[in-house]
């Protein structure tokens, strides 16, 4: 496996954190609310991506 092909997946957690903080900052003014909303939103997105990943893995394995 090529090291450069795998390295793009290291950007996903960074991108998830940055997008969730920026999205939360557009809706709230206080830092405690921004971080609370960013954590909630980030966990929902991470859960959704994990669910999609498991679904695609199961489809590729059993079909």
Protein backbone atom coordinates (compact mmCIF):
# COMPACT_ATOMS: atom_id res chain seq x y z
CA UNK A 1 0.00 0.00 0.00
CA UNK A 2 1.31 3.41 -0.95
CA UNK A 3 2.07 5.73 1.98
CA UNK A 4 0.86 8.80 0.08
CA UNK A 5 -2.50 7.19 -0.67
CA UNK A 6 -3.14 6.43 3.00
CA UNK A 7 -2.07 9.86 4.26
CA UNK A 8 -5.24 11.58 3.05
CA UNK A 9 -7.22 9.79 5.76
CA UNK A 10 -5.22 11.59 8.47
CA UNK A 11 -6.86 14.83 7.33
CA UNK A 12 -10.40 13.64 8.11
CA UNK A 13 -10.33 14.17 11.91
CA UNK A 14 -8.72 17.60 11.50
CA UNK A 15 -11.29 18.57 8.91
CA UNK A 16 -14.12 17.29 11.10
CA UNK A 17 -12.94 19.36 14.09
CA UNK A 18 -12.41 22.53 12.07
CA UNK A 19 -15.74 22.33 10.25
CA UNK A 20 -17.69 21.61 13.42
CA UNK A 21 -16.06 24.55 15.27
CA UNK A 22 -16.65 26.97 12.40
CA UNK A 23 -20.24 25.80 11.99
CA UNK A 24 -20.89 26.21 15.70
CA UNK A 25 -19.24 29.63 15.78
CA UNK A 26 -21.68 30.89 13.16
CA UNK A 27 -24.57 30.03 15.48
CA UNK A 28 -23.23 30.99 18.94
CA UNK A 29 -21.22 33.84 20.45
CA UNK A 30 -19.86 32.38 23.68
CA UNK A 31 -16.89 29.99 23.57
CA UNK A 32 -18.43 27.48 25.97
CA UNK A 33 -21.50 27.16 23.76
CA UNK A 34 -19.37 27.01 20.63
CA UNK A 35 -17.30 24.11 21.95
CA UNK A 36 -20.33 22.28 23.36
CA UNK A 37 -22.20 22.54 20.06
CA UNK A 38 -19.05 21.66 18.09
CA UNK A 39 -18.55 18.52 20.18
CA UNK A 40 -22.18 17.48 19.76
CA UNK A 41 -22.18 18.20 16.04
CA UNK A 42 -18.79 16.53 15.52
CA UNK A 43 -19.87 13.34 17.28
CA UNK A 44 -23.03 13.18 15.17
CA UNK A 45 -21.06 13.59 11.95
CA UNK A 46 -18.43 11.06 13.07
CA UNK A 47 -21.18 8.58 13.96
CA UNK A 48 -22.84 9.09 10.61
CA UNK A 49 -19.55 8.58 8.76
CA UNK A 50 -18.83 5.45 10.80
CA UNK A 51 -22.28 4.10 9.98
CA UNK A 52 -21.76 4.76 6.28
CA UNK A 53 -18.32 3.13 6.43
CA UNK A 54 -19.69 0.01 8.12
CA UNK A 55 -22.54 -0.14 5.62
CA UNK A 56 -20.18 0.11 2.67
CA UNK A 57 -17.88 -2.50 4.19
CA UNK A 58 -20.77 -4.91 4.65
CA UNK A 59 -22.01 -4.30 1.11
CA UNK A 60 -18.57 -4.89 -0.37
CA UNK A 61 -17.98 -8.00 1.74
CA UNK A 62 -21.26 -9.82 1.28
CA UNK A 63 -22.41 -8.75 -2.17
